[in-house]
Amino acid sequence: MCPELDDRLRLALMQAADLLTASPESFTVLFRRGDLWVELFASRWIDTQQPHEQDEIYTVVAGTGVFPPRRGPRAVWPGRLPVRTGTRAARLRDV
């Protein structure tokens, strides 16, 4: 990734985090187009998500946690979220 794009993404993420901090919800919608939504979700120590039909892609941008998939728990942190991990998180810290 080019440094200029990396800097813009960092700035956008910081601005999105500010929106999320000000929101009473645990998520904020950053982008919406057709069936695609990009959201920033903060667990606030408890994963409140319920099963739903929407396909999702997860990226950990801050904090740590454990996703307990069928094959055993997997640790997650910024830049590492194994594929087919599942959507229920536990032991969340600063996410």
PDB file of N, CA and C in Angstrom:
ATOM      1  N   MET A   1       0.850  -1.169   0.000  1.00  0.00           N
ATOM      2  CA  MET A   1       0.000   0.000   0.000  1.00  0.00           C
ATOM      3  C   MET A   1       0.899   1.237   0.000  1.00  0.00           C
ATOM      4  N   CYS A   2       0.514   2.221  -0.746  1.00  0.00           N
ATOM      5  CA  CYS A   2       1.333   3.436  -0.810  1.00  0.00           C
ATOM      6  C   CYS A   2       1.151   4.245   0.483  1.00  0.00           C
ATOM      7  N   PRO A   3       2.193   4.942   0.937  1.00  0.00           N
ATOM      8  CA  PRO A   3       2.123   5.687   2.201  1.00  0.00           C
ATOM      9  C   PRO A   3       0.988   6.703   2.245  1.00  0.00           C
ATOM     10  N   GLU A   4       0.720   7.381   1.130  1.00  0.00           N
ATOM     11  CA  GLU A   4      -0.341   8.390   1.129  1.00  0.00           C
ATOM     12  C   GLU A   4      -1.697   7.748   1.400  1.00  0.00           C
ATOM     13  N   LEU A   5      -1.967   6.609   0.763  1.00  0.00           N
ATOM     14  CA  LEU A   5      -3.234   5.916   0.980  1.00  0.00           C
ATOM     15  C   LEU A   5      -3.308   5.405   2.411  1.00  0.00           C
ATOM     16  N   ASP A   6      -2.215   4.869   2.921  1.00  0.00           N
ATOM     17  CA  ASP A   6      -2.175   4.379   4.289  1.00  0.00           C
ATOM     18  C   ASP A   6      -2.514   5.501   5.270  1.00  0.00           C
ATOM     19  N   ASP A   7      -1.956   6.689   5.064  1.00  0.00           N
ATOM     20  CA  ASP A   7      -2.246   7.828   5.939  1.00  0.00           C
ATOM     21  C   ASP A   7      -3.714   8.227   5.867  1.00  0.00           C
ATOM     22  N   ARG A   8      -4.297   8.199   4.665  1.00  0.00           N
ATOM     23  CA  ARG A   8      -5.716   8.555   4.517  1.00  0.00           C
ATOM     24  C   ARG A   8      -6.598   7.538   5.226  1.00  0.00           C
ATOM     25  N   LEU A   9      -6.250   6.249   5.125  1.00  0.00           N
ATOM     26  CA  LEU A   9      -7.040   5.223   5.801  1.00  0.00           C
ATOM     27  C   LEU A   9      -6.966   5.378   7.314  1.00  0.00           C
ATOM     28  N   ARG A  10      -5.792   5.713   7.820  1.00  0.00           N
ATOM     29  CA  ARG A  10      -5.649   5.927   9.264  1.00  0.00           C
ATOM     30  C   ARG A  10      -6.503   7.110   9.717  1.00  0.00           C
ATOM     31  N   LEU A  11      -6.489   8.182   8.959  1.00  0.00           N
ATOM     32  CA  LEU A  11      -7.281   9.355   9.297  1.00  0.00           C
ATOM     33  C   LEU A  11      -8.766   9.014   9.260  1.00  0.00           C
ATOM     34  N   ALA A  12      -9.204   8.312   8.234  1.00  0.00           N
ATOM     35  CA  ALA A  12     -10.614   7.937   8.123  1.00  0.00           C
ATOM     36  C   ALA A  12     -11.022   7.040   9.289  1.00  0.00           C
ATOM     37  N   LEU A  13     -10.165   6.129   9.690  1.00  0.00           N
ATOM     38  CA  LEU A  13     -10.476   5.251  10.809  1.00  0.00           C
ATOM     39  C   LEU A  13     -10.574   6.042  12.114  1.00  0.00           C
ATOM     40  N   MET A  14      -9.697   7.002  12.307  1.00  0.00           N
ATOM     41  CA  MET A  14      -9.761   7.834  13.515  1.00  0.00           C
ATOM     42  C   MET A  14     -11.057   8.648  13.538  1.00  0.00           C
ATOM     43  N   GLN A  15     -11.459   9.178  12.385  1.00  0.00           N
ATOM     44  CA  GLN A  15     -12.706   9.934  12.315  1.00  0.00           C
ATOM     45  C   GLN A  15     -13.900   9.017  12.576  1.00  0.00           C
ATOM     46  N   ALA A  16     -13.857   7.806  12.024  1.00  0.00           N
ATOM     47  CA  ALA A  16     -14.935   6.844  12.246  1.00  0.00           C
ATOM     48  C   ALA A  16     -15.008   6.460  13.722  1.00  0.00           C
ATOM     49  N   ALA A  17     -13.866   6.287  14.353  1.00  0.00           N
ATOM     50  CA  ALA A  17     -13.837   5.956  15.779  1.00  0.00           C
ATOM     51  C   ALA A  17     -14.455   7.085  16.603  1.00  0.00           C
ATOM     52  N   ASP A  18     -14.222   8.322  16.210  1.00  0.00           N
ATOM     53  CA  ASP A  18     -14.835   9.459  16.899  1.00  0.00           C
ATOM     54  C   ASP A  18     -16.355   9.410  16.770  1.00  0.00           C
ATOM     55  N   LEU A  19     -16.857   9.071  15.575  1.00  0.00           N
ATOM     56  CA  LEU A  19     -18.304   8.936  15.373  1.00  0.00           C
ATOM     57  C   LEU A  19     -18.868   7.847  16.274  1.00  0.00           C
ATOM     58  N   LEU A  20     -18.156   6.736  16.349  1.00  0.00           N
ATOM     59  CA  LEU A  20     -18.617   5.608  17.155  1.00  0.00           C
ATOM     60  C   LEU A  20     -18.617   5.957  18.640  1.00  0.00           C
ATOM     61  N   THR A  21     -17.611   6.660  19.086  1.00  0.00           N
ATOM     62  CA  THR A  21     -17.530   7.058  20.493  1.00  0.00           C
ATOM     63  C   THR A  21     -18.715   7.939  20.879  1.00  0.00           C
ATOM     64  N   ALA A  22     -19.150   8.784  19.966  1.00  0.00           N
ATOM     65  CA  ALA A  22     -20.262   9.697  20.234  1.00  0.00           C
ATOM     66  C   ALA A  22     -21.627   9.021  20.108  1.00  0.00           C
ATOM     67  N   SER A  23     -21.669   7.805  19.579  1.00  0.00           N
ATOM     68  CA  SER A  23     -22.930   7.116  19.323  1.00  0.00           C
ATOM     69  C   SER A  23     -23.349   6.254  20.517  1.00  0.00           C
ATOM     70  N   PRO A  24     -24.659   6.215  20.812  1.00  0.00           N
ATOM     71  CA  PRO A  24     -25.128   5.301  21.854  1.00  0.00           C
ATOM     72  C   PRO A  24     -25.128   3.846  21.370  1.00  0.00           C
ATOM     73  N   GLU A  25     -25.050   3.652  20.066  1.00  0.00           N
ATOM     74  CA  GLU A  25     -25.025   2.307  19.490  1.00  0.00           C
ATOM     75  C   GLU A  25     -23.611   1.733  19.561  1.00  0.00           C
ATOM     76  N   SER A  26     -23.491   0.421  19.367  1.00  0.00           N
ATOM     77  CA  SER A  26     -22.172  -0.221  19.373  1.00  0.00           C
ATOM     78  C   SER A  26     -21.552  -0.252  17.979  1.00  0.00           C
ATOM     79  N   PHE A  27     -22.223   0.376  17.008  1.00  0.00           N
ATOM     80  CA  PHE A  27     -21.683   0.418  15.647  1.00  0.00           C
ATOM     81  C   PHE A  27     -22.084   1.722  14.980  1.00  0.00           C
ATOM     82  N   THR A  28     -21.375   2.042  13.913  1.00  0.00           N
ATOM     83  CA  THR A  28     -21.753   3.173  13.073  1.00  0.00           C
ATOM     84  C   THR A  28     -21.550   2.769  11.616  1.00  0.00           C
ATOM     85  N   VAL A  29     -22.462   3.174  10.757  1.00  0.00           N
ATOM     86  CA  VAL A  29     -22.373   2.858   9.332  1.00  0.00           C
ATOM     87  C   VAL A  29     -21.452   3.880   8.678  1.00  0.00           C
ATOM     88  N   LEU A  30     -20.411   3.386   8.015  1.00  0.00           N
ATOM     89  CA  LEU A  30     -19.454   4.260   7.341  1.00  0.00           C
ATOM     90  C   LEU A  30     -19.763   4.415   5.864  1.00  0.00           C
ATOM     91  N   PHE A  31     -20.363   3.381   5.263  1.00  0.00           N
ATOM     92  CA  PHE A  31     -20.608   3.370   3.819  1.00  0.00           C
ATOM     93  C   PHE A  31     -21.744   2.405   3.551  1.00  0.00           C
ATOM     94  N   ARG A  32     -22.596   2.757   2.594  1.00  0.00           N
ATOM     95  CA  ARG A  32     -23.699   1.881   2.211  1.00  0.00           C
ATOM     96  C   ARG A  32     -23.902   1.997   0.711  1.00  0.00           C
ATOM     97  N   ARG A  33     -23.938   0.856   0.038  1.00  0.00           N
ATOM     98  CA  ARG A  33     -24.212   0.837  -1.398  1.00  0.00           C
ATOM     99  C   ARG A  33     -24.879  -0.493  -1.720  1.00  0.00           C
ATOM    100  N   GLY A  34     -26.142  -0.427  -2.107  1.00  0.00           N
ATOM    101  CA  GLY A  34     -26.883  -1.656  -2.365  1.00  0.00           C
ATOM    102  C   GLY A  34     -26.914  -2.522  -1.119  1.00  0.00           C
ATOM    103  N   ASP A  35     -26.525  -3.787  -1.273  1.00  0.00           N
ATOM    104  CA  ASP A  35     -26.497  -4.716  -0.143  1.00  0.00           C
ATOM    105  C   ASP A  35     -25.204  -4.649   0.666  1.00  0.00           C
ATOM    106  N   LEU A  36     -24.262  -3.826   0.248  1.00  0.00           N
ATOM    107  CA  LEU A  36     -22.981  -3.726   0.944  1.00  0.00           C
ATOM    108  C   LEU A  36     -23.015  -2.592   1.964  1.00  0.00           C
ATOM    109  N   TRP A  37     -22.731  -2.914   3.196  1.00  0.00           N
ATOM    110  CA  TRP A  37     -22.601  -1.929   4.257  1.00  0.00           C
ATOM    111  C   TRP A  37     -21.223  -2.085   4.863  1.00  0.00           C
ATOM    112  N   VAL A  38     -20.565  -0.972   5.119  1.00  0.00           N
ATOM    113  CA  VAL A  38     -19.306  -0.992   5.857  1.00  0.00           C
ATOM    114  C   VAL A  38     -19.598  -0.330   7.196  1.00  0.00           C
ATOM    115  N   GLU A  39     -19.395  -1.085   8.262  1.00  0.00           N
ATOM    116  CA  GLU A  39     -19.675  -0.588   9.599  1.00  0.00           C
ATOM    117  C   GLU A  39     -18.435  -0.696  10.471  1.00  0.00           C
ATOM    118  N   LEU A  40     -18.350   0.175  11.439  1.00  0.00           N
ATOM    119  CA  LEU A  40     -17.339   0.067  12.481  1.00  0.00           C
ATOM    120  C   LEU A  40     -18.088  -0.351  13.733  1.00  0.00           C
ATOM    121  N   PHE A  41     -17.679  -1.474  14.310  1.00  0.00           N
ATOM    122  CA  PHE A  41     -18.344  -2.054  15.475  1.00  0.00           C
ATOM    123  C   PHE A  41     -17.369  -2.087  16.642  1.00  0.00           C
ATOM    124  N   ALA A  42     -17.814  -1.639  17.791  1.00  0.00           N
ATOM    125  CA  ALA A  42     -17.023  -1.734  19.017  1.00  0.00           C
ATOM    126  C   ALA A  42     -17.816  -2.566  20.012  1.00  0.00           C
ATOM    127  N   SER A  43     -17.236  -3.637  20.437  1.00  0.00           N
ATOM    128  CA  SER A  43     -17.947  -4.557  21.323  1.00  0.00           C
ATOM    129  C   SER A  43     -18.282  -3.939  22.671  1.00  0.00           C
ATOM    130  N   ARG A  44     -17.469  -3.006  23.110  1.00  0.00           N
ATOM    131  CA  ARG A  44     -17.616  -2.428  24.447  1.00  0.00           C
ATOM    132  C   ARG A  44     -17.659  -3.540  25.490  1.00  0.00           C
ATOM    133  N   TRP A  45     -16.737  -4.483  25.336  1.00  0.00           N
ATOM    134  CA  TRP A  45     -16.452  -5.613  26.227  1.00  0.00           C
ATOM    135  C   TRP A  45     -17.388  -6.794  26.059  1.00  0.00           C
ATOM    136  N   ILE A  46     -18.565  -6.629  25.473  1.00  0.00           N
ATOM    137  CA  ILE A  46     -19.495  -7.742  25.289  1.00  0.00           C
ATOM    138  C   ILE A  46     -19.948  -7.749  23.843  1.00  0.00           C
ATOM    139  N   ASP A  47     -19.915  -8.924  23.210  1.00  0.00           N
ATOM    140  CA  ASP A  47     -20.379  -9.044  21.827  1.00  0.00           C
ATOM    141  C   ASP A  47     -21.892  -9.182  21.851  1.00  0.00           C
ATOM    142  N   THR A  48     -22.598  -8.140  21.452  1.00  0.00           N
ATOM    143  CA  THR A  48     -24.062  -8.114  21.497  1.00  0.00           C
ATOM    144  C   THR A  48     -24.705  -8.554  20.194  1.00  0.00           C
ATOM    145  N   GLN A  49     -23.901  -8.921  19.202  1.00  0.00           N
ATOM    146  CA  GLN A  49     -24.459  -9.292  17.908  1.00  0.00           C
ATOM    147  C   GLN A  49     -25.234 -10.602  18.005  1.00  0.00           C
ATOM    148  N   GLN A  50     -26.270 -10.703  17.197  1.00  0.00           N
ATOM    149  CA  GLN A  50     -27.083 -11.911  17.104  1.00  0.00           C
ATOM    150  C   GLN A  50     -26.937 -12.487  15.701  1.00  0.00           C
ATOM    151  N   PRO A  51     -27.214 -13.789  15.520  1.00  0.00           N
ATOM    152  CA  PRO A  51     -27.154 -14.364  14.169  1.00  0.00           C
ATOM    153  C   PRO A  51     -28.070 -13.590  13.221  1.00  0.00           C
ATOM    154  N   HIS A  52     -27.608 -13.407  11.987  1.00  0.00           N
ATOM    155  CA  HIS A  52     -28.381 -12.687  10.984  1.00  0.00           C
ATOM    156  C   HIS A  52     -27.958 -13.152   9.597  1.00  0.00           C
ATOM    157  N   GLU A  53     -28.713 -12.758   8.598  1.00  0.00           N
ATOM    158  CA  GLU A  53     -28.509 -13.243   7.230  1.00  0.00           C
ATOM    159  C   GLU A  53     -27.452 -12.483   6.447  1.00  0.00           C
ATOM    160  N   GLN A  54     -27.093 -11.297   6.870  1.00  0.00           N
ATOM    161  CA  GLN A  54     -26.141 -10.469   6.127  1.00  0.00           C
ATOM    162  C   GLN A  54     -24.754 -11.100   6.113  1.00  0.00           C
ATOM    163  N   ASP A  55     -24.173 -11.249   4.925  1.00  0.00           N
ATOM    164  CA  ASP A  55     -22.782 -11.690   4.824  1.00  0.00           C
ATOM    165  C   ASP A  55     -21.879 -10.610   5.393  1.00  0.00           C
ATOM    166  N   GLU A  56     -20.770 -11.036   6.012  1.00  0.00           N
ATOM    167  CA  GLU A  56     -19.895 -10.066   6.654  1.00  0.00           C
ATOM    168  C   GLU A  56     -18.429 -10.389   6.431  1.00  0.00           C
ATOM    169  N   ILE A  57     -17.642  -9.349   6.464  1.00  0.00           N
ATOM    170  CA  ILE A  57     -16.188  -9.457   6.475  1.00  0.00           C
ATOM    171  C   ILE A  57     -15.736  -8.698   7.710  1.00  0.00           C
ATOM    172  N   TYR A  58     -14.920  -9.332   8.528  1.00  0.00           N
ATOM    173  CA  TYR A  58     -14.433  -8.692   9.750  1.00  0.00           C
ATOM    174  C   TYR A  58     -12.969  -8.317   9.616  1.00  0.00           C
ATOM    175  N   THR A  59     -12.620  -7.180  10.165  1.00  0.00           N
ATOM    176  CA  THR A  59     -11.237  -6.742  10.280  1.00  0.00           C
ATOM    177  C   THR A  59     -11.065  -6.177  11.681  1.00  0.00           C
ATOM    178  N   VAL A  60     -10.075  -6.648  12.392  1.00  0.00           N
ATOM    179  CA  VAL A  60      -9.801  -6.123  13.727  1.00  0.00           C
ATOM    180  C   VAL A  60      -8.901  -4.906  13.565  1.00  0.00           C
ATOM    181  N   VAL A  61      -9.359  -3.763  14.048  1.00  0.00           N
ATOM    182  CA  VAL A  61      -8.565  -2.538  13.904  1.00  0.00           C
ATOM    183  C   VAL A  61      -7.957  -2.086  15.224  1.00  0.00           C
ATOM    184  N   ALA A  62      -8.451  -2.613  16.339  1.00  0.00           N
ATOM    185  CA  ALA A  62      -7.894  -2.248  17.643  1.00  0.00           C
ATOM    186  C   ALA A  62      -8.308  -3.287  18.672  1.00  0.00           C
ATOM    187  N   GLY A  63      -7.509  -3.444  19.706  1.00  0.00           N
ATOM    188  CA  GLY A  63      -7.837  -4.349  20.794  1.00  0.00           C
ATOM    189  C   GLY A  63      -7.513  -5.793  20.476  1.00  0.00           C
ATOM    190  N   THR A  64      -7.936  -6.675  21.365  1.00  0.00           N
ATOM    191  CA  THR A  64      -7.716  -8.112  21.202  1.00  0.00           C
ATOM    192  C   THR A  64      -8.969  -8.850  21.619  1.00  0.00           C
ATOM    193  N   GLY A  65      -9.044 -10.111  21.280  1.00  0.00           N
ATOM    194  CA  GLY A  65     -10.171 -10.940  21.668  1.00  0.00           C
ATOM    195  C   GLY A  65      -9.935 -12.366  21.237  1.00  0.00           C
ATOM    196  N   VAL A  66     -10.927 -13.212  21.478  1.00  0.00           N
ATOM    197  CA  VAL A  66     -10.862 -14.613  21.075  1.00  0.00           C
ATOM    198  C   VAL A  66     -12.172 -14.949  20.391  1.00  0.00           C
ATOM    199  N   PHE A  67     -12.085 -15.508  19.199  1.00  0.00           N
ATOM    200  CA  PHE A  67     -13.261 -16.000  18.504  1.00  0.00           C
ATOM    201  C   PHE A  67     -13.293 -17.506  18.702  1.00  0.00           C
ATOM    202  N   PRO A  68     -14.359 -18.052  19.296  1.00  0.00           N
ATOM    203  CA  PRO A  68     -14.405 -19.494  19.531  1.00  0.00           C
ATOM    204  C   PRO A  68     -15.073 -20.267  18.385  1.00  0.00           C
ATOM    205  N   PRO A  69     -14.355 -20.512  17.300  1.00  0.00           N
ATOM    206  CA  PRO A  69     -14.946 -21.269  16.198  1.00  0.00           C
ATOM    207  C   PRO A  69     -15.031 -22.751  16.530  1.00  0.00           C
ATOM    208  N   ARG A  70     -15.605 -23.518  15.639  1.00  0.00           N
ATOM    209  CA  ARG A  70     -15.785 -24.958  15.849  1.00  0.00           C
ATOM    210  C   ARG A  70     -14.479 -25.696  16.098  1.00  0.00           C
ATOM    211  N   ARG A  71     -13.388 -25.232  15.506  1.00  0.00           N
ATOM    212  CA  ARG A  71     -12.113 -25.940  15.641  1.00  0.00           C
ATOM    213  C   ARG A  71     -11.294 -25.460  16.832  1.00  0.00           C
ATOM    214  N   GLY A  72     -11.871 -24.724  17.736  1.00  0.00           N
ATOM    215  CA  GLY A  72     -11.150 -24.245  18.908  1.00  0.00           C
ATOM    216  C   GLY A  72     -10.929 -22.746  18.847  1.00  0.00           C
ATOM    217  N   PRO A  73     -10.736 -22.121  20.009  1.00  0.00           N
ATOM    218  CA  PRO A  73     -10.571 -20.664  20.072  1.00  0.00           C
ATOM    219  C   PRO A  73      -9.379 -20.167  19.264  1.00  0.00           C
ATOM    220  N   ARG A  74      -9.541 -18.994  18.687  1.00  0.00           N
ATOM    221  CA  ARG A  74      -8.459 -18.349  17.936  1.00  0.00           C
ATOM    222  C   ARG A  74      -8.343 -16.907  18.382  1.00  0.00           C
ATOM    223  N   ALA A  75      -7.131 -16.516  18.749  1.00  0.00           N
ATOM    224  CA  ALA A  75      -6.884 -15.137  19.168  1.00  0.00           C
ATOM    225  C   ALA A  75      -6.936 -14.210  17.961  1.00  0.00           C
ATOM    226  N   VAL A  76      -7.409 -12.996  18.182  1.00  0.00           N
ATOM    227  CA  VAL A  76      -7.465 -11.983  17.127  1.00  0.00           C
ATOM    228  C   VAL A  76      -6.861 -10.693  17.659  1.00  0.00           C
ATOM    229  N   TRP A  77      -6.303  -9.897  16.752  1.00  0.00           N
ATOM    230  CA  TRP A  77      -5.747  -8.584  17.062  1.00  0.00           C
ATOM    231  C   TRP A  77      -5.649  -7.827  15.758  1.00  0.00           C
ATOM    232  N   PRO A  78      -5.300  -6.548  15.762  1.00  0.00           N
ATOM    233  CA  PRO A  78      -5.241  -5.794  14.508  1.00  0.00           C
ATOM    234  C   PRO A  78      -4.365  -6.483  13.475  1.00  0.00           C
ATOM    235  N   GLY A  79      -4.934  -6.699  12.315  1.00  0.00           N
ATOM    236  CA  GLY A  79      -4.204  -7.334  11.225  1.00  0.00           C
ATOM    237  C   GLY A  79      -4.304  -8.849  11.215  1.00  0.00           C
ATOM    238  N   ARG A  80      -4.936  -9.460  12.216  1.00  0.00           N
ATOM    239  CA  ARG A  80      -5.043 -10.912  12.233  1.00  0.00           C
ATOM    240  C   ARG A  80      -6.447 -11.329  12.655  1.00  0.00           C
ATOM    241  N   LEU A  81      -7.181 -11.860  11.722  1.00  0.00           N
ATOM    242  CA  LEU A  81      -8.473 -12.468  11.983  1.00  0.00           C
ATOM    243  C   LEU A  81      -8.569 -13.641  11.028  1.00  0.00           C
ATOM    244  N   PRO A  82      -8.401 -14.875  11.523  1.00  0.00           N
ATOM    245  CA  PRO A  82      -8.397 -16.039  10.638  1.00  0.00           C
ATOM    246  C   PRO A  82      -9.705 -16.167   9.860  1.00  0.00           C
ATOM    247  N   VAL A  83      -9.617 -16.721   8.660  1.00  0.00           N
ATOM    248  CA  VAL A  83     -10.817 -16.933   7.855  1.00  0.00           C
ATOM    249  C   VAL A  83     -11.695 -17.980   8.512  1.00  0.00           C
ATOM    250  N   ARG A  84     -12.982 -17.914   8.204  1.00  0.00           N
ATOM    251  CA  ARG A  84     -13.983 -18.831   8.738  1.00  0.00           C
ATOM    252  C   ARG A  84     -13.926 -18.911  10.266  1.00  0.00           C
ATOM    253  N   THR A  85     -13.747 -17.776  10.889  1.00  0.00           N
ATOM    254  CA  THR A  85     -13.602 -17.733  12.339  1.00  0.00           C
ATOM    255  C   THR A  85     -14.939 -17.785  13.062  1.00  0.00           C
ATOM    256  N   GLY A  86     -15.986 -17.310  12.461  1.00  0.00           N
ATOM    257  CA  GLY A  86     -17.260 -17.203  13.155  1.00  0.00           C
ATOM    258  C   GLY A  86     -17.459 -15.769  13.610  1.00  0.00           C
ATOM    259  N   THR A  87     -18.617 -15.494  14.195  1.00  0.00           N
ATOM    260  CA  THR A  87     -18.911 -14.104  14.523  1.00  0.00           C
ATOM    261  C   THR A  87     -19.098 -13.846  16.003  1.00  0.00           C
ATOM    262  N   ARG A  88     -18.977 -14.835  16.832  1.00  0.00           N
ATOM    263  CA  ARG A  88     -19.131 -14.625  18.269  1.00  0.00           C
ATOM    264  C   ARG A  88     -17.767 -14.458  18.907  1.00  0.00           C
ATOM    265  N   ALA A  89     -17.540 -13.330  19.521  1.00  0.00           N
ATOM    266  CA  ALA A  89     -16.243 -13.048  20.128  1.00  0.00           C
ATOM    267  C   ALA A  89     -16.345 -13.132  21.650  1.00  0.00           C
ATOM    268  N   ALA A  90     -15.227 -13.436  22.276  1.00  0.00           N
ATOM    269  CA  ALA A  90     -15.155 -13.515  23.733  1.00  0.00           C
ATOM    270  C   ALA A  90     -13.846 -12.898  24.194  1.00  0.00           C
ATOM    271  N   ARG A  91     -13.742 -12.654  25.473  1.00  0.00           N
ATOM    272  CA  ARG A  91     -12.524 -12.090  26.074  1.00  0.00           C
ATOM    273  C   ARG A  91     -12.035 -10.873  25.298  1.00  0.00           C
ATOM    274  N   LEU A  92     -12.912  -9.941  25.060  1.00  0.00           N
ATOM    275  CA  LEU A  92     -12.579  -8.747  24.281  1.00  0.00           C
ATOM    276  C   LEU A  92     -11.877  -7.722  25.158  1.00  0.00           C
ATOM    277  N   ARG A  93     -10.866  -7.071  24.579  1.00  0.00           N
ATOM    278  CA  ARG A  93     -10.135  -6.023  25.292  1.00  0.00           C
ATOM    279  C   ARG A  93      -9.902  -4.852  24.356  1.00  0.00           C
ATOM    280  N   ASP A  94     -10.382  -3.687  24.741  1.00  0.00           N
ATOM    281  CA  ASP A  94     -10.147  -2.452  23.977  1.00  0.00           C
ATOM    282  C   ASP A  94     -10.515  -2.584  22.516  1.00  0.00           C
ATOM    283  N   VAL A  95     -11.597  -3.284  22.231  1.00  0.00           N
ATOM    284  CA  VAL A  95     -12.023  -3.474  20.842  1.00  0.00           C
ATOM    285  C   VAL A  95     -13.006  -2.385  20.498  1.00  0.00           C
TER     286      VAL A  95
END
